[in-house]
PDB file of N, CA and C in Angstrom:
ATOM      1  N   MET A   1       0.839  -1.164   0.000  1.00  0.00           N
ATOM      2  CA  MET A   1       0.000   0.000   0.000  1.00  0.00           C
ATOM      3  C   MET A   1       0.894   1.241   0.000  1.00  0.00           C
ATOM      4  N   TYR A   2       0.519   2.213  -0.778  1.00  0.00           N
ATOM      5  CA  TYR A   2       1.266   3.468  -0.899  1.00  0.00           C
ATOM      6  C   TYR A   2       0.615   4.532  -0.022  1.00  0.00           C
ATOM      7  N   GLN A   3       1.432   5.225   0.790  1.00  0.00           N
ATOM      8  CA  GLN A   3       0.915   6.300   1.626  1.00  0.00           C
ATOM      9  C   GLN A   3       1.845   7.503   1.544  1.00  0.00           C
ATOM     10  N   GLN A   4       1.325   8.602   1.033  1.00  0.00           N
ATOM     11  CA  GLN A   4       2.068   9.854   0.971  1.00  0.00           C
ATOM     12  C   GLN A   4       2.000  10.471   2.364  1.00  0.00           C
ATOM     13  N   VAL A   5       3.152  10.693   2.997  1.00  0.00           N
ATOM     14  CA  VAL A   5       3.150  11.247   4.357  1.00  0.00           C
ATOM     15  C   VAL A   5       3.584  12.705   4.402  1.00  0.00           C
ATOM     16  N   ALA A   6       4.133  13.209   3.307  1.00  0.00           N
ATOM     17  CA  ALA A   6       4.481  14.628   3.215  1.00  0.00           C
ATOM     18  C   ALA A   6       4.483  15.026   1.742  1.00  0.00           C
ATOM     19  N   THR A   7       3.840  16.148   1.426  1.00  0.00           N
ATOM     20  CA  THR A   7       3.857  16.610   0.041  1.00  0.00           C
ATOM     21  C   THR A   7       4.848  17.757  -0.141  1.00  0.00           C
ATOM     22  N   LYS A   8       4.740  18.762   0.651  1.00  0.00           N
ATOM     23  CA  LYS A   8       5.729  19.845   0.660  1.00  0.00           C
ATOM     24  C   LYS A   8       5.877  20.307   2.103  1.00  0.00           C
ATOM     25  N   LEU A   9       6.572  19.483   2.890  1.00  0.00           N
ATOM     26  CA  LEU A   9       6.784  19.748   4.306  1.00  0.00           C
ATOM     27  C   LEU A   9       7.979  20.673   4.474  1.00  0.00           C
ATOM     28  N   PHE A  10       7.771  21.796   5.155  1.00  0.00           N
ATOM     29  CA  PHE A  10       8.843  22.748   5.408  1.00  0.00           C
ATOM     30  C   PHE A  10       9.500  22.397   6.726  1.00  0.00           C
ATOM     31  N   LEU A  11      10.767  22.043   6.681  1.00  0.00           N
ATOM     32  CA  LEU A  11      11.544  21.730   7.878  1.00  0.00           C
ATOM     33  C   LEU A  11      12.361  22.958   8.243  1.00  0.00           C
ATOM     34  N   ASP A  12      12.190  23.432   9.466  1.00  0.00           N
ATOM     35  CA  ASP A  12      12.813  24.687   9.879  1.00  0.00           C
ATOM     36  C   ASP A  12      13.713  24.470  11.084  1.00  0.00           C
ATOM     37  N   GLY A  13      15.013  24.562  10.855  1.00  0.00           N
ATOM     38  CA  GLY A  13      15.980  24.429  11.939  1.00  0.00           C
ATOM     39  C   GLY A  13      16.547  25.759  12.382  1.00  0.00           C
ATOM     40  N   THR A  14      15.925  26.855  11.966  1.00  0.00           N
ATOM     41  CA  THR A  14      16.493  28.163  12.285  1.00  0.00           C
ATOM     42  C   THR A  14      16.165  28.635  13.693  1.00  0.00           C
ATOM     43  N   SER A  15      15.113  28.099  14.304  1.00  0.00           N
ATOM     44  CA  SER A  15      14.742  28.576  15.634  1.00  0.00           C
ATOM     45  C   SER A  15      15.124  27.604  16.741  1.00  0.00           C
ATOM     46  N   THR A  16      15.381  26.344  16.426  1.00  0.00           N
ATOM     47  CA  THR A  16      15.729  25.337  17.417  1.00  0.00           C
ATOM     48  C   THR A  16      16.874  24.494  16.886  1.00  0.00           C
ATOM     49  N   ALA A  17      17.816  24.161  17.756  1.00  0.00           N
ATOM     50  CA  ALA A  17      18.932  23.324  17.333  1.00  0.00           C
ATOM     51  C   ALA A  17      18.452  21.907  17.068  1.00  0.00           C
ATOM     52  N   ASN A  18      18.725  21.381  15.882  1.00  0.00           N
ATOM     53  CA  ASN A  18      18.386  20.023  15.466  1.00  0.00           C
ATOM     54  C   ASN A  18      16.940  19.630  15.779  1.00  0.00           C
ATOM     55  N   PRO A  19      15.963  20.384  15.271  1.00  0.00           N
ATOM     56  CA  PRO A  19      14.573  20.028  15.544  1.00  0.00           C
ATOM     57  C   PRO A  19      14.192  18.721  14.846  1.00  0.00           C
ATOM     58  N   THR A  20      13.291  17.993  15.480  1.00  0.00           N
ATOM     59  CA  THR A  20      12.823  16.725  14.940  1.00  0.00           C
ATOM     60  C   THR A  20      11.316  16.798  14.757  1.00  0.00           C
ATOM     61  N   GLU A  21      10.850  16.344  13.601  1.00  0.00           N
ATOM     62  CA  GLU A  21       9.422  16.270  13.322  1.00  0.00           C
ATOM     63  C   GLU A  21       9.105  14.846  12.895  1.00  0.00           C
ATOM     64  N   HIS A  22       7.821  14.478  12.989  1.00  0.00           N
ATOM     65  CA  HIS A  22       7.397  13.135  12.614  1.00  0.00           C
ATOM     66  C   HIS A  22       6.204  13.202  11.678  1.00  0.00           C
ATOM     67  N   SER A  23       6.116  12.222  10.786  1.00  0.00           N
ATOM     68  CA  SER A  23       4.944  12.107   9.918  1.00  0.00           C
ATOM     69  C   SER A  23       3.820  11.454  10.705  1.00  0.00           C
ATOM     70  N   GLN A  24       2.634  11.443  10.118  1.00  0.00           N
ATOM     71  CA  GLN A  24       1.559  10.672  10.731  1.00  0.00           C
ATOM     72  C   GLN A  24       1.922   9.194  10.603  1.00  0.00           C
ATOM     73  N   ALA A  25       1.324   8.379  11.461  1.00  0.00           N
ATOM     74  CA  ALA A  25       1.589   6.946  11.424  1.00  0.00           C
ATOM     75  C   ALA A  25       0.846   6.304  10.261  1.00  0.00           C
ATOM     76  N   ALA A  26       1.488   5.358   9.625  1.00  0.00           N
ATOM     77  CA  ALA A  26       0.883   4.591   8.539  1.00  0.00           C
ATOM     78  C   ALA A  26       0.721   3.157   9.016  1.00  0.00           C
ATOM     79  N   MET A  27      -0.474   2.595   8.863  1.00  0.00           N
ATOM     80  CA  MET A  27      -0.707   1.219   9.271  1.00  0.00           C
ATOM     81  C   MET A  27      -0.101   0.277   8.230  1.00  0.00           C
ATOM     82  N   VAL A  28       0.606  -0.749   8.707  1.00  0.00           N
ATOM     83  CA  VAL A  28       1.226  -1.723   7.815  1.00  0.00           C
ATOM     84  C   VAL A  28       0.950  -3.128   8.331  1.00  0.00           C
ATOM     85  N   GLU A  29       1.047  -4.104   7.458  1.00  0.00           N
ATOM     86  CA  GLU A  29       0.920  -5.496   7.864  1.00  0.00           C
ATOM     87  C   GLU A  29       2.272  -5.974   8.385  1.00  0.00           C
ATOM     88  N   GLU A  30       2.252  -6.743   9.478  1.00  0.00           N
ATOM     89  CA  GLU A  30       3.498  -7.289  10.000  1.00  0.00           C
ATOM     90  C   GLU A  30       4.138  -8.183   8.953  1.00  0.00           C
ATOM     91  N   GLY A  31       5.458  -8.165   8.899  1.00  0.00           N
ATOM     92  CA  GLY A  31       6.176  -8.950   7.909  1.00  0.00           C
ATOM     93  C   GLY A  31       6.164  -8.319   6.535  1.00  0.00           C
ATOM     94  N   SER A  32       5.989  -7.021   6.490  1.00  0.00           N
ATOM     95  CA  SER A  32       5.976  -6.310   5.219  1.00  0.00           C
ATOM     96  C   SER A  32       7.348  -5.737   4.901  1.00  0.00           C
ATOM     97  N   THR A  33       7.556  -5.484   3.634  1.00  0.00           N
ATOM     98  CA  THR A  33       8.718  -4.733   3.213  1.00  0.00           C
ATOM     99  C   THR A  33       8.268  -3.296   3.021  1.00  0.00           C
ATOM    100  N   ALA A  34       8.978  -2.383   3.621  1.00  0.00           N
ATOM    101  CA  ALA A  34       8.646  -0.966   3.499  1.00  0.00           C
ATOM    102  C   ALA A  34       9.688  -0.289   2.619  1.00  0.00           C
ATOM    103  N   VAL A  35       9.217   0.495   1.678  1.00  0.00           N
ATOM    104  CA  VAL A  35      10.091   1.300   0.832  1.00  0.00           C
ATOM    105  C   VAL A  35       9.778   2.755   1.135  1.00  0.00           C
ATOM    106  N   VAL A  36      10.793   3.500   1.529  1.00  0.00           N
ATOM    107  CA  VAL A  36      10.643   4.921   1.838  1.00  0.00           C
ATOM    108  C   VAL A  36      11.249   5.722   0.697  1.00  0.00           C
ATOM    109  N   GLU A  37      10.475   6.649   0.164  1.00  0.00           N
ATOM    110  CA  GLU A  37      10.986   7.540  -0.868  1.00  0.00           C
ATOM    111  C   GLU A  37      10.883   8.958  -0.347  1.00  0.00           C
ATOM    112  N   ALA A  38      11.891   9.744  -0.610  1.00  0.00           N
ATOM    113  CA  ALA A  38      11.881  11.136  -0.182  1.00  0.00           C
ATOM    114  C   ALA A  38      12.517  11.993  -1.261  1.00  0.00           C
ATOM    115  N   GLU A  39      12.015  13.181  -1.386  1.00  0.00           N
ATOM    116  CA  GLU A  39      12.516  14.108  -2.385  1.00  0.00           C
ATOM    117  C   GLU A  39      12.754  15.447  -1.705  1.00  0.00           C
ATOM    118  N   LEU A  40      13.920  16.024  -1.935  1.00  0.00           N
ATOM    119  CA  LEU A  40      14.273  17.328  -1.392  1.00  0.00           C
ATOM    120  C   LEU A  40      14.142  18.352  -2.509  1.00  0.00           C
ATOM    121  N   PHE A  41      13.208  19.282  -2.329  1.00  0.00           N
ATOM    122  CA  PHE A  41      12.965  20.284  -3.363  1.00  0.00           C
ATOM    123  C   PHE A  41      13.913  21.470  -3.260  1.00  0.00           C
ATOM    124  N   ASN A  42      14.198  21.879  -2.046  1.00  0.00           N
ATOM    125  CA  ASN A  42      15.026  23.060  -1.841  1.00  0.00           C
ATOM    126  C   ASN A  42      15.573  23.024  -0.436  1.00  0.00           C
ATOM    127  N   ARG A  43      16.651  23.730  -0.196  1.00  0.00           N
ATOM    128  CA  ARG A  43      17.249  23.769   1.146  1.00  0.00           C
ATOM    129  C   ARG A  43      18.096  25.014   1.335  1.00  0.00           C
ATOM    130  N   THR A  44      18.329  25.352   2.582  1.00  0.00           N
ATOM    131  CA  THR A  44      19.319  26.355   2.949  1.00  0.00           C
ATOM    132  C   THR A  44      20.221  25.710   3.989  1.00  0.00           C
ATOM    133  N   GLY A  45      21.414  26.215   4.142  1.00  0.00           N
ATOM    134  CA  GLY A  45      22.355  25.657   5.109  1.00  0.00           C
ATOM    135  C   GLY A  45      23.167  24.532   4.502  1.00  0.00           C
ATOM    136  N   THR A  46      24.092  23.991   5.289  1.00  0.00           N
ATOM    137  CA  THR A  46      25.004  22.976   4.776  1.00  0.00           C
ATOM    138  C   THR A  46      24.923  21.650   5.525  1.00  0.00           C
ATOM    139  N   GLY A  47      24.188  21.575   6.619  1.00  0.00           N
ATOM    140  CA  GLY A  47      24.083  20.320   7.373  1.00  0.00           C
ATOM    141  C   GLY A  47      23.152  19.336   6.690  1.00  0.00           C
ATOM    142  N   ALA A  48      23.306  18.054   6.997  1.00  0.00           N
ATOM    143  CA  ALA A  48      22.501  16.999   6.376  1.00  0.00           C
ATOM    144  C   ALA A  48      21.100  16.952   6.976  1.00  0.00           C
ATOM    145  N   ILE A  49      20.102  16.881   6.124  1.00  0.00           N
ATOM    146  CA  ILE A  49      18.723  16.656   6.540  1.00  0.00           C
ATOM    147  C   ILE A  49      18.528  15.142   6.550  1.00  0.00           C
ATOM    148  N   LEU A  50      18.078  14.601   7.684  1.00  0.00           N
ATOM    149  CA  LEU A  50      17.984  13.153   7.863  1.00  0.00           C
ATOM    150  C   LEU A  50      16.535  12.699   7.952  1.00  0.00           C
ATOM    151  N   ILE A  51      16.242  11.562   7.323  1.00  0.00           N
ATOM    152  CA  ILE A  51      14.907  10.967   7.389  1.00  0.00           C
ATOM    153  C   ILE A  51      15.078   9.506   7.792  1.00  0.00           C
ATOM    154  N   ASP A  52      14.438   9.132   8.915  1.00  0.00           N
ATOM    155  CA  ASP A  52      14.511   7.771   9.428  1.00  0.00           C
ATOM    156  C   ASP A  52      13.140   7.118   9.403  1.00  0.00           C
ATOM    157  N   LEU A  53      13.106   5.839   9.078  1.00  0.00           N
ATOM    158  CA  LEU A  53      11.896   5.045   9.173  1.00  0.00           C
ATOM    159  C   LEU A  53      11.804   4.515  10.596  1.00  0.00           C
ATOM    160  N   GLN A  54      10.645   4.717  11.228  1.00  0.00           N
ATOM    161  CA  GLN A  54      10.424   4.220  12.583  1.00  0.00           C
ATOM    162  C   GLN A  54       9.199   3.320  12.597  1.00  0.00           C
ATOM    163  N   VAL A  55       9.186   2.333  13.505  1.00  0.00           N
ATOM    164  CA  VAL A  55       8.071   1.398  13.616  1.00  0.00           C
ATOM    165  C   VAL A  55       7.601   1.310  15.063  1.00  0.00           C
ATOM    166  N   SER A  56       6.320   0.897  15.225  1.00  0.00           N
ATOM    167  CA  SER A  56       5.724   0.768  16.549  1.00  0.00           C
ATOM    168  C   SER A  56       4.557  -0.207  16.487  1.00  0.00           C
ATOM    169  N   ASP A  57       4.259  -0.818  17.620  1.00  0.00           N
ATOM    170  CA  ASP A  57       3.068  -1.663  17.736  1.00  0.00           C
ATOM    171  C   ASP A  57       1.953  -0.952  18.482  1.00  0.00           C
ATOM    172  N   ASP A  58       2.280   0.132  19.210  1.00  0.00           N
ATOM    173  CA  ASP A  58       1.286   0.785  20.065  1.00  0.00           C
ATOM    174  C   ASP A  58       1.145   2.293  19.831  1.00  0.00           C
ATOM    175  N   LEU A  59       1.790   2.825  18.813  1.00  0.00           N
ATOM    176  CA  LEU A  59       1.750   4.258  18.474  1.00  0.00           C
ATOM    177  C   LEU A  59       2.407   5.156  19.526  1.00  0.00           C
ATOM    178  N   GLU A  60       3.095   4.563  20.494  1.00  0.00           N
ATOM    179  CA  GLU A  60       3.775   5.362  21.515  1.00  0.00           C
ATOM    180  C   GLU A  60       5.265   5.075  21.590  1.00  0.00           C
ATOM    181  N   ASN A  61       5.631   3.819  21.524  1.00  0.00           N
ATOM    182  CA  ASN A  61       7.030   3.417  21.637  1.00  0.00           C
ATOM    183  C   ASN A  61       7.579   3.159  20.234  1.00  0.00           C
ATOM    184  N   TRP A  62       8.345   4.112  19.723  1.00  0.00           N
ATOM    185  CA  TRP A  62       8.850   4.046  18.354  1.00  0.00           C
ATOM    186  C   TRP A  62      10.304   3.616  18.334  1.00  0.00           C
ATOM    187  N   THR A  63      10.655   2.782  17.350  1.00  0.00           N
ATOM    188  CA  THR A  63      12.018   2.291  17.170  1.00  0.00           C
ATOM    189  C   THR A  63      12.464   2.618  15.753  1.00  0.00           C
ATOM    190  N   THR A  64      13.672   3.133  15.627  1.00  0.00           N
ATOM    191  CA  THR A  64      14.228   3.417  14.307  1.00  0.00           C
ATOM    192  C   THR A  64      14.662   2.109  13.662  1.00  0.00           C
ATOM    193  N   VAL A  65      14.282   1.908  12.406  1.00  0.00           N
ATOM    194  CA  VAL A  65      14.586   0.675  11.683  1.00  0.00           C
ATOM    195  C   VAL A  65      16.062   0.652  11.300  1.00  0.00           C
ATOM    196  N   THR A  66      16.692  -0.481  11.580  1.00  0.00           N
ATOM    197  CA  THR A  66      18.081  -0.697  11.175  1.00  0.00           C
ATOM    198  C   THR A  66      18.192  -2.076  10.555  1.00  0.00           C
ATOM    199  N   SER A  67      19.174  -2.260   9.717  1.00  0.00           N
ATOM    200  CA  SER A  67      19.445  -3.586   9.157  1.00  0.00           C
ATOM    201  C   SER A  67      20.947  -3.786   9.134  1.00  0.00           C
ATOM    202  N   SER A  68      21.367  -4.973   9.489  1.00  0.00           N
ATOM    203  CA  SER A  68      22.800  -5.307   9.552  1.00  0.00           C
ATOM    204  C   SER A  68      23.553  -4.330  10.447  1.00  0.00           C
ATOM    205  N   GLY A  69      22.893  -3.865  11.509  1.00  0.00           N
ATOM    206  CA  GLY A  69      23.551  -2.989  12.476  1.00  0.00           C
ATOM    207  C   GLY A  69      23.702  -1.548  12.031  1.00  0.00           C
ATOM    208  N   SER A  70      23.214  -1.196  10.845  1.00  0.00           N
ATOM    209  CA  SER A  70      23.339   0.186  10.396  1.00  0.00           C
ATOM    210  C   SER A  70      21.964   0.776  10.152  1.00  0.00           C
ATOM    211  N   SER A  71      21.869   2.049  10.260  1.00  0.00           N
ATOM    212  CA  SER A  71      20.596   2.740  10.099  1.00  0.00           C
ATOM    213  C   SER A  71      20.187   2.786   8.637  1.00  0.00           C
ATOM    214  N   ASP A  72      18.905   2.522   8.383  1.00  0.00           N
ATOM    215  CA  ASP A  72      18.353   2.669   7.037  1.00  0.00           C
ATOM    216  C   ASP A  72      17.875   4.102   6.896  1.00  0.00           C
ATOM    217  N   GLN A  73      18.802   5.009   6.884  1.00  0.00           N
ATOM    218  CA  GLN A  73      18.507   6.433   6.954  1.00  0.00           C
ATOM    219  C   GLN A  73      18.697   7.085   5.590  1.00  0.00           C
ATOM    220  N   ILE A  74      17.769   7.972   5.269  1.00  0.00           N
ATOM    221  CA  ILE A  74      17.954   8.806   4.086  1.00  0.00           C
ATOM    222  C   ILE A  74      18.645  10.069   4.560  1.00  0.00           C
ATOM    223  N   SER A  75      19.730  10.418   3.933  1.00  0.00           N
ATOM    224  CA  SER A  75      20.483  11.602   4.311  1.00  0.00           C
ATOM    225  C   SER A  75      20.681  12.478   3.086  1.00  0.00           C
ATOM    226  N   PHE A  76      20.086  13.654   3.125  1.00  0.00           N
ATOM    227  CA  PHE A  76      20.325  14.642   2.078  1.00  0.00           C
ATOM    228  C   PHE A  76      21.512  15.457   2.546  1.00  0.00           C
ATOM    229  N   GLY A  77      22.669  15.214   1.943  1.00  0.00           N
ATOM    230  CA  GLY A  77      23.940  15.770   2.388  1.00  0.00           C
ATOM    231  C   GLY A  77      24.047  17.268   2.366  1.00  0.00           C
ATOM    232  N   SER A  78      25.258  17.722   2.602  1.00  0.00           N
ATOM    233  CA  SER A  78      25.502  19.137   2.844  1.00  0.00           C
ATOM    234  C   SER A  78      25.545  19.998   1.590  1.00  0.00           C
ATOM    235  N   THR A  79      25.504  19.400   0.409  1.00  0.00           N
ATOM    236  CA  THR A  79      25.526  20.230  -0.796  1.00  0.00           C
ATOM    237  C   THR A  79      24.178  20.904  -0.995  1.00  0.00           C
ATOM    238  N   ALA A  80      24.166  21.963  -1.747  1.00  0.00           N
ATOM    239  CA  ALA A  80      22.931  22.736  -1.966  1.00  0.00           C
ATOM    240  C   ALA A  80      22.072  22.035  -3.010  1.00  0.00           C
ATOM    241  N   VAL A  81      21.477  20.913  -2.630  1.00  0.00           N
ATOM    242  CA  VAL A  81      20.670  20.109  -3.540  1.00  0.00           C
ATOM    243  C   VAL A  81      19.359  20.817  -3.836  1.00  0.00           C
ATOM    244  N   GLN A  82      18.964  20.849  -5.074  1.00  0.00           N
ATOM    245  CA  GLN A  82      17.677  21.394  -5.452  1.00  0.00           C
ATOM    246  C   GLN A  82      16.628  20.302  -5.524  1.00  0.00           C
ATOM    247  N   LYS A  83      17.032  19.110  -5.995  1.00  0.00           N
ATOM    248  CA  LYS A  83      16.089  18.020  -6.115  1.00  0.00           C
ATOM    249  C   LYS A  83      16.851  16.707  -6.044  1.00  0.00           C
ATOM    250  N   ALA A  84      16.361  15.779  -5.240  1.00  0.00           N
ATOM    251  CA  ALA A  84      17.021  14.486  -5.114  1.00  0.00           C
ATOM    252  C   ALA A  84      15.985  13.453  -4.712  1.00  0.00           C
ATOM    253  N   ARG A  85      16.258  12.206  -5.012  1.00  0.00           N
ATOM    254  CA  ARG A  85      15.354  11.122  -4.613  1.00  0.00           C
ATOM    255  C   ARG A  85      16.212   9.975  -4.098  1.00  0.00           C
ATOM    256  N   LYS A  86      15.837   9.437  -2.953  1.00  0.00           N
ATOM    257  CA  LYS A  86      16.550   8.298  -2.386  1.00  0.00           C
ATOM    258  C   LYS A  86      15.519   7.293  -1.891  1.00  0.00           C
ATOM    259  N   THR A  87      15.873   6.020  -1.958  1.00  0.00           N
ATOM    260  CA  THR A  87      14.966   4.964  -1.534  1.00  0.00           C
ATOM    261  C   THR A  87      15.669   4.067  -0.525  1.00  0.00           C
ATOM    262  N   VAL A  88      14.942   3.694   0.534  1.00  0.00           N
ATOM    263  CA  VAL A  88      15.444   2.775   1.544  1.00  0.00           C
ATOM    264  C   VAL A  88      14.467   1.612   1.604  1.00  0.00           C
ATOM    265  N   VAL A  89      14.973   0.391   1.609  1.00  0.00           N
ATOM    266  CA  VAL A  89      14.110  -0.785   1.690  1.00  0.00           C
ATOM    267  C   VAL A  89      14.402  -1.492   3.010  1.00  0.00           C
ATOM    268  N   ALA A  90      13.345  -1.812   3.784  1.00  0.00           N
ATOM    269  CA  ALA A  90      13.523  -2.486   5.065  1.00  0.00           C
ATOM    270  C   ALA A  90      12.335  -3.401   5.322  1.00  0.00           C
ATOM    271  N   THR A  91      12.577  -4.546   5.977  1.00  0.00           N
ATOM    272  CA  THR A  91      11.494  -5.444   6.383  1.00  0.00           C
ATOM    273  C   THR A  91      11.077  -5.070   7.793  1.00  0.00           C
ATOM    274  N   ILE A  92       9.775  -4.901   7.998  1.00  0.00           N
ATOM    275  CA  ILE A  92       9.286  -4.487   9.311  1.00  0.00           C
ATOM    276  C   ILE A  92       8.306  -5.521   9.855  1.00  0.00           C
ATOM    277  N   ASN A  93       8.308  -5.684  11.163  1.00  0.00           N
ATOM    278  CA  ASN A  93       7.420  -6.617  11.843  1.00  0.00           C
ATOM    279  C   ASN A  93       6.639  -5.883  12.918  1.00  0.00           C
ATOM    280  N   SER A  94       6.035  -4.786  12.558  1.00  0.00           N
ATOM    281  CA  SER A  94       5.250  -3.972  13.470  1.00  0.00           C
ATOM    282  C   SER A  94       3.959  -3.566  12.781  1.00  0.00           C
ATOM    283  N   LYS A  95       3.050  -2.966  13.546  1.00  0.00           N
ATOM    284  CA  LYS A  95       1.749  -2.575  12.998  1.00  0.00           C
ATOM    285  C   LYS A  95       1.752  -1.208  12.340  1.00  0.00           C
ATOM    286  N   TYR A  96       2.679  -0.341  12.769  1.00  0.00           N
ATOM    287  CA  TYR A  96       2.675   1.037  12.285  1.00  0.00           C
ATOM    288  C   TYR A  96       4.083   1.468  11.879  1.00  0.00           C
ATOM    289  N   ALA A  97       4.132   2.392  10.946  1.00  0.00           N
ATOM    290  CA  ALA A  97       5.407   2.983  10.523  1.00  0.00           C
ATOM    291  C   ALA A  97       5.207   4.487  10.383  1.00  0.00           C
ATOM    292  N   ARG A  98       6.267   5.238  10.574  1.00  0.00           N
ATOM    293  CA  ARG A  98       6.249   6.690  10.376  1.00  0.00           C
ATOM    294  C   ARG A  98       7.653   7.122  10.002  1.00  0.00           C
ATOM    295  N   LEU A  99       7.761   8.382   9.589  1.00  0.00           N
ATOM    296  CA  LEU A  99       9.070   8.951   9.276  1.00  0.00           C
ATOM    297  C   LEU A  99       9.432   9.994  10.318  1.00  0.00           C
ATOM    298  N   GLN A 100      10.697  10.036  10.639  1.00  0.00           N
ATOM    299  CA  GLN A 100      11.234  11.076  11.530  1.00  0.00           C
ATOM    300  C   GLN A 100      12.167  11.948  10.710  1.00  0.00           C
ATOM    301  N   TYR A 101      11.928  13.248  10.746  1.00  0.00           N
ATOM    302  CA  TYR A 101      12.740  14.217  10.001  1.00  0.00           C
ATOM    303  C   TYR A 101      13.585  15.004  10.989  1.00  0.00           C
ATOM    304  N   THR A 102      14.893  15.066  10.760  1.00  0.00           N
ATOM    305  CA  THR A 102      15.790  15.843  11.620  1.00  0.00           C
ATOM    306  C   THR A 102      16.497  16.881  10.749  1.00  0.00           C
ATOM    307  N   THR A 103      16.418  18.131  11.185  1.00  0.00           N
ATOM    308  CA  THR A 103      17.007  19.242  10.445  1.00  0.00           C
ATOM    309  C   THR A 103      18.108  19.878  11.289  1.00  0.00           C
ATOM    310  N   PRO A 104      19.303  20.085  10.757  1.00  0.00           N
ATOM    311  CA  PRO A 104      20.365  20.730  11.519  1.00  0.00           C
ATOM    312  C   PRO A 104      20.008  22.181  11.862  1.00  0.00           C
ATOM    313  N   ALA A 105      20.625  22.679  12.920  1.00  0.00           N
ATOM    314  CA  ALA A 105      20.424  24.074  13.316  1.00  0.00           C
ATOM    315  C   ALA A 105      20.790  24.999  12.156  1.00  0.00           C
ATOM    316  N   SER A 106      20.036  26.061  11.998  1.00  0.00           N
ATOM    317  CA  SER A 106      20.248  27.080  10.971  1.00  0.00           C
ATOM    318  C   SER A 106      20.044  26.577   9.554  1.00  0.00           C
ATOM    319  N   ASN A 107      19.322  25.474   9.385  1.00  0.00           N
ATOM    320  CA  ASN A 107      19.024  24.924   8.064  1.00  0.00           C
ATOM    321  C   ASN A 107      17.517  24.885   7.849  1.00  0.00           C
ATOM    322  N   THR A 108      17.112  24.912   6.607  1.00  0.00           N
ATOM    323  CA  THR A 108      15.716  24.677   6.255  1.00  0.00           C
ATOM    324  C   THR A 108      15.678  23.742   5.062  1.00  0.00           C
ATOM    325  N   GLY A 109      14.551  23.110   4.876  1.00  0.00           N
ATOM    326  CA  GLY A 109      14.388  22.234   3.726  1.00  0.00           C
ATOM    327  C   GLY A 109      12.920  22.050   3.400  1.00  0.00           C
ATOM    328  N   LEU A 110      12.649  21.731   2.166  1.00  0.00           N
ATOM    329  CA  LEU A 110      11.291  21.471   1.703  1.00  0.00           C
ATOM    330  C   LEU A 110      11.303  20.065   1.117  1.00  0.00           C
ATOM    331  N   VAL A 111      10.526  19.137   1.726  1.00  0.00           N
ATOM    332  CA  VAL A 111      10.591  17.736   1.326  1.00  0.00           C
ATOM    333  C   VAL A 111       9.219  17.141   1.043  1.00  0.00           C
ATOM    334  N   ALA A 112       9.236  16.088   0.251  1.00  0.00           N
ATOM    335  CA  ALA A 112       8.084  15.214   0.053  1.00  0.00           C
ATOM    336  C   ALA A 112       8.552  13.816   0.425  1.00  0.00           C
ATOM    337  N   ALA A 113       7.649  13.013   0.987  1.00  0.00           N
ATOM    338  CA  ALA A 113       8.045  11.660   1.397  1.00  0.00           C
ATOM    339  C   ALA A 113       6.845  10.717   1.358  1.00  0.00           C
ATOM    340  N   SER A 114       7.157   9.433   1.147  1.00  0.00           N
ATOM    341  CA  SER A 114       6.105   8.423   1.112  1.00  0.00           C
ATOM    342  C   SER A 114       6.645   7.114   1.685  1.00  0.00           C
ATOM    343  N   ILE A 115       5.697   6.285   2.141  1.00  0.00           N
ATOM    344  CA  ILE A 115       6.000   4.940   2.615  1.00  0.00           C
ATOM    345  C   ILE A 115       5.159   3.990   1.772  1.00  0.00           C
ATOM    346  N   ARG A 116       5.807   3.017   1.160  1.00  0.00           N
ATOM    347  CA  ARG A 116       5.106   2.006   0.360  1.00  0.00           C
ATOM    348  C   ARG A 116       5.379   0.659   1.024  1.00  0.00           C
ATOM    349  N   THR A 117       4.326  -0.104   1.319  1.00  0.00           N
ATOM    350  CA  THR A 117       4.499  -1.391   1.967  1.00  0.00           C
ATOM    351  C   THR A 117       3.893  -2.505   1.124  1.00  0.00           C
ATOM    352  N   ALA A 118       4.474  -3.696   1.265  1.00  0.00           N
ATOM    353  CA  ALA A 118       3.958  -4.884   0.601  1.00  0.00           C
ATOM    354  C   ALA A 118       4.256  -6.073   1.495  1.00  0.00           C
ATOM    355  N   LYS A 119       3.281  -6.947   1.636  1.00  0.00           N
ATOM    356  CA  LYS A 119       3.435  -8.146   2.461  1.00  0.00           C
ATOM    357  C   LYS A 119       4.471  -9.068   1.829  1.00  0.00           C
ATOM    358  N   ASN A 120       5.415  -9.556   2.664  1.00  0.00           N
ATOM    359  CA  ASN A 120       6.449 -10.469   2.170  1.00  0.00           C
ATOM    360  C   ASN A 120       5.859 -11.818   1.816  1.00  0.00           C
TER     361      ASN A 120
END
């Protein structure tokens, strides 16, 4: 199932150091493969904008998805990217998934993101 979780989300790190925002939760079937797509339309600053896939069974206790001991993180690096697309694939065994967006201090960004799931 495809779920758009952000169309043109403005991430603002100018007023708070490393602010974190979250998408709404998307319901998924346990044992699904989740594909996260994100696109960066515009940015200011030089720090990396990070997007993490998180999962939960109760909508309160969230865990960042990792595979082989490393984070399945989308990182829009420090260059002045106008447009980029990155995909992360992870198998999840939880009922819900969401995205966590982290913006460095003094940076802004405009992003779109989606979560696509399919039962394994």
